[in-house]
């Protein structure tokens, strides 16, 4: 028995010496190397130089862990915590009850502009932004766009404490691409979660009843307080703004299905919010339409608006009179027979209101669109010079 014990000790000492020898020679057993660098991440390059993260102390981490660390180190100071204060009437509409909300945002520039969701600050009476260094500043609203759920705030903070986020490109996104979300779920500041893009070109209802298109679907954990925070690629570039989750309950807890507004929409909207406080959209001058299987039936036009000036027609209100004895009665009747049916704009088929508005709002006021309509069973084209949405 003592001989067996001695052999076990000798074997252990010999194994330790071999391991030490391998370490000193700078080599590792092949099996260990394969375990530390899974095949799925074999094509990941060492820490991307664009991130400019100090490699010291990262030798023990896997390549994918280094990317995670690098993204966070580069971008976490660009993320802010937003708290809002509002007031709502109580059940009897006698007293106002103070309410508090929270969300996330990204630093846009050294002037103090902050990007967030419209729904984060909607209806708020005051807003405060907390930076990475713990300092809090009161924020004013520069502009807001309920249609795209985007808002821009501004704080008066020293430029040296502001670290603007780097913009990426959402046009080149791919399903399966790894993404990173940073935000303040449940008030836990600058929390990082990692996932992939689950799908592209989703739609979501907007704050004004319209539909937001080109939405990014992701599986990175998003919870209450993540709204308005950045969605980043593996280079730490802003590719979207986290805006919603699909949750079976009203708790706002993560279910693995999150949504983000693409950076292409953000870069199109934000300059107008900063310059004008709102998005100046083109207007075609059509007040009301009915969706049919064949197109959009015009019900009402804006009086003197672009569509009416171009010759398009909507419903006509007819007034008739009838006499019964000494009394005269007036009757009003809607004549739909003369209304134009819009089937296309600029050669693109149109079947829904959103399809029409997407085309119109991609233009600028003063530009011309060609509206194709069916009038009295004939196809007619109208050149409409777009106006400005009031």
Protein backbone atom coordinates (compact mmCIF):
# COMPACT_ATOMS: atom_id res chain seq x y z
CA UNK A 1 0.00 0.00 0.00
CA UNK A 2 2.85 2.37 0.86
CA UNK A 3 4.45 1.54 -2.49
CA UNK A 4 1.22 2.45 -4.32
CA UNK A 5 0.97 5.73 -2.42
CA UNK A 6 4.60 6.54 -3.32
CA UNK A 7 3.93 5.87 -7.01
CA UNK A 8 0.87 8.21 -6.98
CA UNK A 9 2.95 11.00 -5.48
CA UNK A 10 5.75 10.41 -8.01
CA UNK A 11 3.28 10.43 -10.88
CA UNK A 12 1.74 13.70 -9.68
CA UNK A 13 5.13 15.39 -9.31
CA UNK A 14 6.17 14.23 -12.80
CA UNK A 15 2.93 15.60 -14.30
CA UNK A 16 3.44 18.94 -12.61
CA UNK A 17 7.00 19.20 -13.93
CA UNK A 18 5.79 18.47 -17.47
CA UNK A 19 3.11 21.13 -17.21
CA UNK A 20 5.61 23.69 -15.89
CA UNK A 21 7.97 22.84 -18.72
CA UNK A 22 5.26 23.36 -21.32
CA UNK A 23 4.28 26.69 -19.82
CA UNK A 24 7.86 27.96 -19.73
CA UNK A 25 8.34 27.01 -23.34
CA UNK A 26 5.30 29.08 -24.31
CA UNK A 27 3.32 26.10 -25.59
CA UNK A 28 0.08 24.46 -24.60
CA UNK A 29 -1.37 21.01 -25.16
CA UNK A 30 -3.32 20.96 -28.44
CA UNK A 31 -6.54 19.85 -26.76
CA UNK A 32 -6.45 22.82 -24.36
CA UNK A 33 -5.78 25.26 -27.18
CA UNK A 34 -8.78 23.96 -29.09
CA UNK A 35 -10.96 24.23 -26.01
CA UNK A 36 -9.96 27.83 -25.35
CA UNK A 37 -10.60 28.85 -28.97
CA UNK A 38 -13.79 27.17 -30.21
CA UNK A 39 -14.13 26.69 -33.92
CA UNK A 40 -17.09 29.09 -34.02
CA UNK A 41 -14.76 31.95 -33.10
CA UNK A 42 -11.67 30.79 -35.01
CA UNK A 43 -12.16 33.51 -37.63
CA UNK A 44 -12.31 36.34 -35.09
CA UNK A 45 -9.19 38.45 -35.34
CA UNK A 46 -7.35 39.56 -32.22
CA UNK A 47 -8.81 42.67 -30.66
CA UNK A 48 -9.84 45.05 -33.50
CA UNK A 49 -7.41 47.93 -33.58
CA UNK A 50 -10.22 50.36 -34.28
CA UNK A 51 -11.32 49.84 -30.66
CA UNK A 52 -7.96 51.06 -29.29
CA UNK A 53 -8.23 49.02 -26.12
CA UNK A 54 -5.17 48.26 -24.03
CA UNK A 55 -4.27 44.57 -24.47
CA UNK A 56 -2.51 44.42 -21.12
CA UNK A 57 -4.18 41.93 -18.81
CA UNK A 58 -6.39 40.41 -21.52
CA UNK A 59 -4.18 37.45 -22.34
CA UNK A 60 -6.30 35.08 -20.26
CA UNK A 61 -9.51 35.88 -22.16
CA UNK A 62 -10.80 34.19 -25.29
CA UNK A 63 -10.98 36.17 -28.54
CA UNK A 64 -14.75 36.58 -28.25
CA UNK A 65 -14.42 37.79 -24.65
CA UNK A 66 -11.85 40.34 -25.76
CA UNK A 67 -14.28 41.70 -28.33
CA UNK A 68 -16.98 42.00 -25.66
CA UNK A 69 -14.59 43.83 -23.34
CA UNK A 70 -13.34 46.06 -26.14
CA UNK A 71 -16.85 47.10 -27.22
CA UNK A 72 -17.78 47.96 -23.65
CA UNK A 73 -14.53 49.83 -22.94
CA UNK A 74 -14.95 51.91 -26.07
CA UNK A 75 -18.64 52.79 -25.76
CA UNK A 76 -19.85 52.65 -22.15
CA UNK A 77 -18.97 56.30 -21.53
CA UNK A 78 -21.20 57.26 -24.47
CA UNK A 79 -24.27 55.82 -22.72
CA UNK A 80 -26.37 57.93 -20.35
CA UNK A 81 -29.11 57.28 -17.85
CA UNK A 82 -32.26 59.37 -18.31
CA UNK A 83 -34.78 59.95 -15.53
CA UNK A 84 -38.05 61.77 -16.11
CA UNK A 85 -40.65 63.29 -13.82
CA UNK A 86 -44.28 63.62 -14.83
CA UNK A 87 -47.65 64.08 -13.17
CA UNK A 88 -50.83 62.15 -13.80
CA UNK A 89 -54.32 62.79 -12.41
CA UNK A 90 -55.55 60.45 -9.73
CA UNK A 91 -58.66 58.31 -10.06
CA UNK A 92 -60.95 61.23 -9.28
CA UNK A 93 -59.08 63.80 -11.44
CA UNK A 94 -58.69 66.05 -8.40
CA UNK A 95 -55.02 65.80 -7.57
CA UNK A 96 -51.96 65.16 -9.68
CA UNK A 97 -49.81 62.19 -8.69
CA UNK A 98 -46.05 62.56 -9.39
CA UNK A 99 -44.60 59.75 -11.49
CA UNK A 100 -41.02 58.88 -12.31
CA UNK A 101 -39.64 57.10 -15.36
CA UNK A 102 -36.26 56.02 -16.63
CA UNK A 103 -34.54 55.18 -19.87
CA UNK A 104 -31.25 55.25 -21.69
CA UNK A 105 -29.58 57.41 -24.31
CA UNK A 106 -26.42 58.02 -26.31
CA UNK A 107 -24.17 61.05 -26.51
CA UNK A 108 -24.29 62.44 -30.06
CA UNK A 109 -21.73 65.24 -29.93
CA UNK A 110 -19.58 67.46 -27.72
CA UNK A 111 -22.33 70.09 -27.66
CA UNK A 112 -24.39 67.92 -25.36
CA UNK A 113 -26.99 66.48 -27.70
CA UNK A 114 -28.43 63.19 -26.40
CA UNK A 115 -30.28 60.60 -28.50
CA UNK A 116 -33.17 58.66 -26.97
CA UNK A 117 -36.68 57.36 -27.68
CA UNK A 118 -39.63 59.71 -27.88
CA UNK A 119 -41.62 57.45 -25.57
CA UNK A 120 -38.94 57.79 -22.88
CA UNK A 121 -39.56 61.53 -22.50
CA UNK A 122 -43.14 61.88 -23.79
CA UNK A 123 -45.31 63.87 -21.39
CA UNK A 124 -42.44 64.57 -18.99
CA UNK A 125 -42.23 67.82 -17.08
CA UNK A 126 -38.54 67.51 -16.29
CA UNK A 127 -35.69 65.32 -17.48
CA UNK A 128 -32.26 64.62 -16.03
CA UNK A 129 -29.29 62.94 -17.70
CA UNK A 130 -26.60 61.15 -15.71
CA UNK A 131 -23.23 60.70 -17.42
CA UNK A 132 -20.63 57.96 -16.94
CA UNK A 133 -18.84 60.04 -14.27
CA UNK A 134 -21.96 60.17 -12.08
CA UNK A 135 -22.72 63.84 -12.72
CA UNK A 136 -26.36 64.67 -13.48
CA UNK A 137 -27.62 67.50 -15.67
CA UNK A 138 -31.06 68.87 -16.39
CA UNK A 139 -32.01 68.23 -20.02
CA UNK A 140 -34.14 70.24 -22.41
CA UNK A 141 -36.00 68.82 -25.39
CA UNK A 142 -34.44 69.88 -28.69
CA UNK A 143 -36.80 67.97 -30.97
CA UNK A 144 -39.02 64.93 -31.11
CA UNK A 145 -40.53 62.71 -33.77
CA UNK A 146 -43.33 60.46 -32.47
CA UNK A 147 -43.65 58.79 -35.85
CA UNK A 148 -40.19 57.23 -35.60
CA UNK A 149 -40.03 57.21 -31.77
CA UNK A 150 -36.95 59.43 -31.77
CA UNK A 151 -36.10 62.40 -29.56
CA UNK A 152 -33.05 64.60 -29.03
CA UNK A 153 -32.24 66.20 -25.67
CA UNK A 154 -29.51 68.68 -24.75
CA UNK A 155 -27.49 69.08 -21.59
CA UNK A 156 -24.99 71.73 -20.54
CA UNK A 157 -22.03 69.53 -19.65
CA UNK A 158 -18.27 70.16 -20.07
CA UNK A 159 -17.18 68.90 -23.52
CA UNK A 160 -14.33 66.88 -21.99
CA UNK A 161 -16.89 64.72 -20.15
CA UNK A 162 -18.84 63.92 -23.32
CA UNK A 163 -17.84 60.93 -25.44
CA UNK A 164 -19.92 60.82 -28.66
CA UNK A 165 -20.87 57.40 -29.96
CA UNK A 166 -19.45 56.33 -33.33
CA UNK A 167 -22.06 55.80 -36.05
CA UNK A 168 -22.15 52.61 -38.07
CA UNK A 169 -24.14 51.42 -41.09
CA UNK A 170 -27.43 49.53 -40.76
CA UNK A 171 -27.67 48.88 -44.51
CA UNK A 172 -25.09 46.08 -44.27
CA UNK A 173 -26.53 44.19 -41.31
CA UNK A 174 -26.95 40.43 -41.54
CA UNK A 175 -29.11 37.99 -39.62
CA UNK A 176 -26.84 36.09 -37.23
CA UNK A 177 -24.49 39.04 -36.76
CA UNK A 178 -23.41 39.58 -33.15
CA UNK A 179 -24.70 42.74 -31.50
CA UNK A 180 -24.26 44.48 -28.16
CA UNK A 181 -26.78 46.49 -26.15
CA UNK A 182 -25.82 48.91 -23.40
CA UNK A 183 -28.42 50.60 -21.23
CA UNK A 184 -29.89 51.05 -17.80
CA UNK A 185 -32.32 48.17 -17.19
CA UNK A 186 -34.17 48.69 -13.90
CA UNK A 187 -31.82 51.60 -13.19
CA UNK A 188 -28.63 49.48 -13.35
CA UNK A 189 -26.44 51.93 -15.22
CA UNK A 190 -24.48 50.99 -18.36
CA UNK A 191 -25.33 47.28 -18.37
CA UNK A 192 -23.97 45.26 -21.31
CA UNK A 193 -25.88 42.40 -22.92
CA UNK A 194 -24.84 40.40 -25.97
CA UNK A 195 -26.85 38.61 -28.65
CA UNK A 196 -27.39 38.33 -32.38
CA UNK A 197 -29.60 39.92 -34.99
CA UNK A 198 -32.59 37.58 -35.17
CA UNK A 199 -34.30 39.20 -38.15
CA UNK A 200 -34.42 42.37 -40.23
CA UNK A 201 -37.13 44.59 -41.74
CA UNK A 202 -39.68 44.05 -38.98
CA UNK A 203 -42.48 46.59 -38.43
CA UNK A 204 -43.75 48.16 -35.22
CA UNK A 205 -46.65 50.51 -34.46
CA UNK A 206 -45.47 54.05 -33.81
CA UNK A 207 -46.62 56.54 -31.20
CA UNK A 208 -48.91 58.35 -33.65
CA UNK A 209 -50.64 55.28 -35.06
CA UNK A 210 -48.36 54.89 -38.07
CA UNK A 211 -46.06 51.96 -38.73
CA UNK A 212 -42.29 52.03 -38.27
CA UNK A 213 -40.48 49.95 -40.88
CA UNK A 214 -36.98 48.45 -41.28
CA UNK A 215 -36.89 47.54 -37.57
CA UNK A 216 -34.07 45.29 -36.32
CA UNK A 217 -35.05 42.24 -34.25
CA UNK A 218 -32.49 40.95 -31.75
CA UNK A 219 -32.19 38.46 -28.92
CA UNK A 220 -29.85 40.39 -26.60
CA UNK A 221 -31.55 40.86 -23.24
CA UNK A 222 -33.52 44.13 -23.08
CA UNK A 223 -35.58 45.14 -20.06
CA UNK A 224 -37.41 48.15 -18.69
CA UNK A 225 -34.96 51.05 -18.82
CA UNK A 226 -33.10 49.88 -21.94
CA UNK A 227 -35.26 52.05 -24.21
CA UNK A 228 -33.22 54.68 -26.02
CA UNK A 229 -29.92 52.92 -25.47
CA UNK A 230 -27.47 52.03 -28.25
CA UNK A 231 -27.32 48.81 -30.25
CA UNK A 232 -23.71 48.27 -31.32
CA UNK A 233 -21.77 46.07 -33.70
CA UNK A 234 -18.54 44.22 -32.84
CA UNK A 235 -16.54 47.35 -33.67
CA UNK A 236 -18.43 49.42 -31.13
CA UNK A 237 -20.34 51.37 -33.78
CA UNK A 238 -23.94 52.50 -33.33
CA UNK A 239 -26.18 50.50 -35.67
CA UNK A 240 -29.52 51.06 -33.95
CA UNK A 241 -31.44 52.38 -30.95
CA UNK A 242 -33.19 49.86 -28.68
CA UNK A 243 -36.86 50.71 -28.51
CA UNK A 244 -39.17 47.81 -27.57
CA UNK A 245 -39.52 44.20 -26.52
CA UNK A 246 -42.17 41.57 -27.09
CA UNK A 247 -43.45 40.60 -23.65
CA UNK A 248 -46.57 38.62 -22.70
CA UNK A 249 -46.91 40.67 -19.53
CA UNK A 250 -46.76 44.36 -18.68
CA UNK A 251 -43.67 43.97 -16.53
CA UNK A 252 -41.27 44.87 -19.33
CA UNK A 253 -39.16 41.78 -18.67
CA UNK A 254 -36.95 40.25 -21.33
CA UNK A 255 -38.34 37.42 -23.45
CA UNK A 256 -35.52 37.19 -25.97
CA UNK A 257 -37.34 39.26 -28.59
CA UNK A 258 -36.21 42.86 -28.76
CA UNK A 259 -36.45 45.57 -31.39
CA UNK A 260 -34.24 48.48 -32.43
CA UNK A 261 -34.63 51.44 -34.76
CA UNK A 262 -31.89 51.28 -37.44
CA UNK A 263 -29.19 53.94 -37.54
CA UNK A 264 -30.28 54.84 -41.09
CA UNK A 265 -33.54 56.19 -39.68
CA UNK A 266 -31.75 57.95 -36.85
CA UNK A 267 -29.29 59.75 -39.14
CA UNK A 268 -32.15 60.84 -41.40
CA UNK A 269 -34.28 62.24 -38.57
CA UNK A 270 -31.83 63.65 -36.00
CA UNK A 271 -30.35 66.51 -38.11
CA UNK A 272 -33.86 67.85 -38.71
CA UNK A 273 -34.72 67.59 -35.02
CA UNK A 274 -31.60 69.55 -34.09
CA UNK A 275 -32.18 72.20 -36.76
CA UNK A 276 -35.97 72.55 -36.73
CA UNK A 277 -37.18 70.77 -33.61
CA UNK A 278 -39.30 68.49 -35.77
CA UNK A 279 -39.15 66.54 -39.00
CA UNK A 280 -40.26 68.62 -41.98
CA UNK A 281 -42.11 66.15 -44.16
CA UNK A 282 -43.50 66.50 -47.63
CA UNK A 283 -47.29 66.60 -47.90
CA UNK A 284 -49.43 65.42 -50.80
CA UNK A 285 -52.62 67.12 -49.63
CA UNK A 286 -54.84 64.05 -49.22
CA UNK A 287 -56.86 64.25 -46.02
CA UNK A 288 -58.58 60.86 -46.01
CA UNK A 289 -58.59 57.64 -48.02
CA UNK A 290 -60.19 54.23 -47.80
CA UNK A 291 -58.05 51.15 -48.34
CA UNK A 292 -59.49 48.74 -50.91
CA UNK A 293 -58.16 45.58 -52.53
CA UNK A 294 -57.28 47.55 -55.65
CA UNK A 295 -55.83 50.72 -54.15
CA UNK A 296 -56.64 53.82 -52.11
CA UNK A 297 -59.99 55.48 -52.71
CA UNK A 298 -59.74 59.22 -52.06
CA UNK A 299 -62.41 60.37 -49.61
CA UNK A 300 -61.25 63.94 -48.92
CA UNK A 301 -58.58 66.34 -50.13
CA UNK A 302 -56.99 69.25 -48.35
CA UNK A 303 -58.69 72.33 -49.75
CA UNK A 304 -56.25 74.11 -52.03
CA UNK A 305 -53.61 71.45 -51.35
CA UNK A 306 -51.16 69.83 -53.79
CA UNK A 307 -53.43 66.93 -54.81
CA UNK A 308 -56.43 69.17 -55.45
CA UNK A 309 -54.34 71.60 -57.47
CA UNK A 310 -53.06 68.68 -59.56
CA UNK A 311 -56.64 67.68 -60.42
CA UNK A 312 -57.23 64.67 -58.19
CA UNK A 313 -60.77 64.20 -56.91
CA UNK A 314 -62.35 62.77 -53.77
CA UNK A 315 -65.91 62.15 -52.62
CA UNK A 316 -68.49 64.77 -53.55
CA UNK A 317 -71.12 65.89 -51.07
CA UNK A 318 -74.48 66.43 -52.76
CA UNK A 319 -77.25 68.47 -51.23
CA UNK A 320 -80.83 67.83 -52.25
CA UNK A 321 -84.14 69.31 -51.17
CA UNK A 322 -87.55 67.77 -50.94
CA UNK A 323 -90.86 69.34 -50.08
CA UNK A 324 -93.53 67.79 -47.95
CA UNK A 325 -96.52 70.09 -47.75
CA UNK A 326 -95.41 73.45 -46.40
CA UNK A 327 -92.04 72.09 -45.24
CA UNK A 328 -88.76 71.86 -47.16
CA UNK A 329 -86.21 69.26 -46.06
CA UNK A 330 -82.53 69.26 -46.97
CA UNK A 331 -80.68 65.98 -47.44
CA UNK A 332 -76.96 65.36 -47.81
CA UNK A 333 -75.60 62.47 -49.81
CA UNK A 334 -72.06 61.26 -50.48
CA UNK A 335 -71.30 60.62 -54.13
CA UNK A 336 -68.38 58.19 -54.42
CA UNK A 337 -68.64 57.65 -58.15
CA UNK A 338 -66.34 60.54 -59.05
CA UNK A 339 -63.57 59.73 -56.53
CA UNK A 340 -60.18 58.70 -57.87
CA UNK A 341 -58.63 55.37 -56.90
CA UNK A 342 -54.86 55.70 -56.34
CA UNK A 343 -53.01 52.59 -57.52
CA UNK A 344 -49.43 53.83 -57.73
CA UNK A 345 -46.95 56.63 -57.04
CA UNK A 346 -43.79 57.09 -59.08
CA UNK A 347 -44.31 53.71 -60.69
CA UNK A 348 -44.59 51.85 -57.37
CA UNK A 349 -47.83 50.07 -56.50
CA UNK A 350 -49.78 51.51 -53.58
CA UNK A 351 -52.31 49.49 -51.59
CA UNK A 352 -52.01 50.89 -48.06
CA UNK A 353 -51.80 54.29 -46.41
CA UNK A 354 -48.34 53.48 -45.06
CA UNK A 355 -47.11 52.63 -48.55
CA UNK A 356 -48.34 55.99 -49.85
CA UNK A 357 -46.83 57.96 -46.96
CA UNK A 358 -43.52 56.11 -47.16
CA UNK A 359 -43.10 57.25 -50.75
CA UNK A 360 -44.24 60.81 -50.11
CA UNK A 361 -42.13 61.26 -46.98
CA UNK A 362 -39.03 60.02 -48.75
CA UNK A 363 -39.30 63.18 -50.85
CA UNK A 364 -38.71 66.81 -49.98
CA UNK A 365 -41.26 69.62 -50.15
CA UNK A 366 -41.28 71.07 -53.67
CA UNK A 367 -40.42 67.79 -55.37
CA UNK A 368 -42.83 66.25 -57.87
CA UNK A 369 -44.40 62.80 -57.77
CA UNK A 370 -46.49 61.07 -60.42
CA UNK A 371 -49.72 59.67 -59.01
CA UNK A 372 -51.41 56.93 -61.02
CA UNK A 373 -55.17 56.72 -60.44
CA UNK A 374 -58.20 54.98 -61.89
CA UNK A 375 -60.92 57.46 -62.87
CA UNK A 376 -64.12 56.22 -64.52
CA UNK A 377 -62.41 52.93 -65.38
CA UNK A 378 -59.50 54.67 -67.10
CA UNK A 379 -55.91 54.97 -65.86
CA UNK A 380 -54.86 58.60 -65.44
CA UNK A 381 -51.56 60.09 -64.25
CA UNK A 382 -51.24 63.32 -62.26
CA UNK A 383 -48.07 65.31 -61.60
CA UNK A 384 -48.28 66.51 -57.96
CA UNK A 385 -45.85 69.08 -56.55
CA UNK A 386 -45.53 68.23 -52.87
CA UNK A 387 -46.13 70.81 -50.17
CA UNK A 388 -45.01 70.96 -46.53
CA UNK A 389 -46.76 69.06 -43.78
CA UNK A 390 -48.18 71.44 -41.20
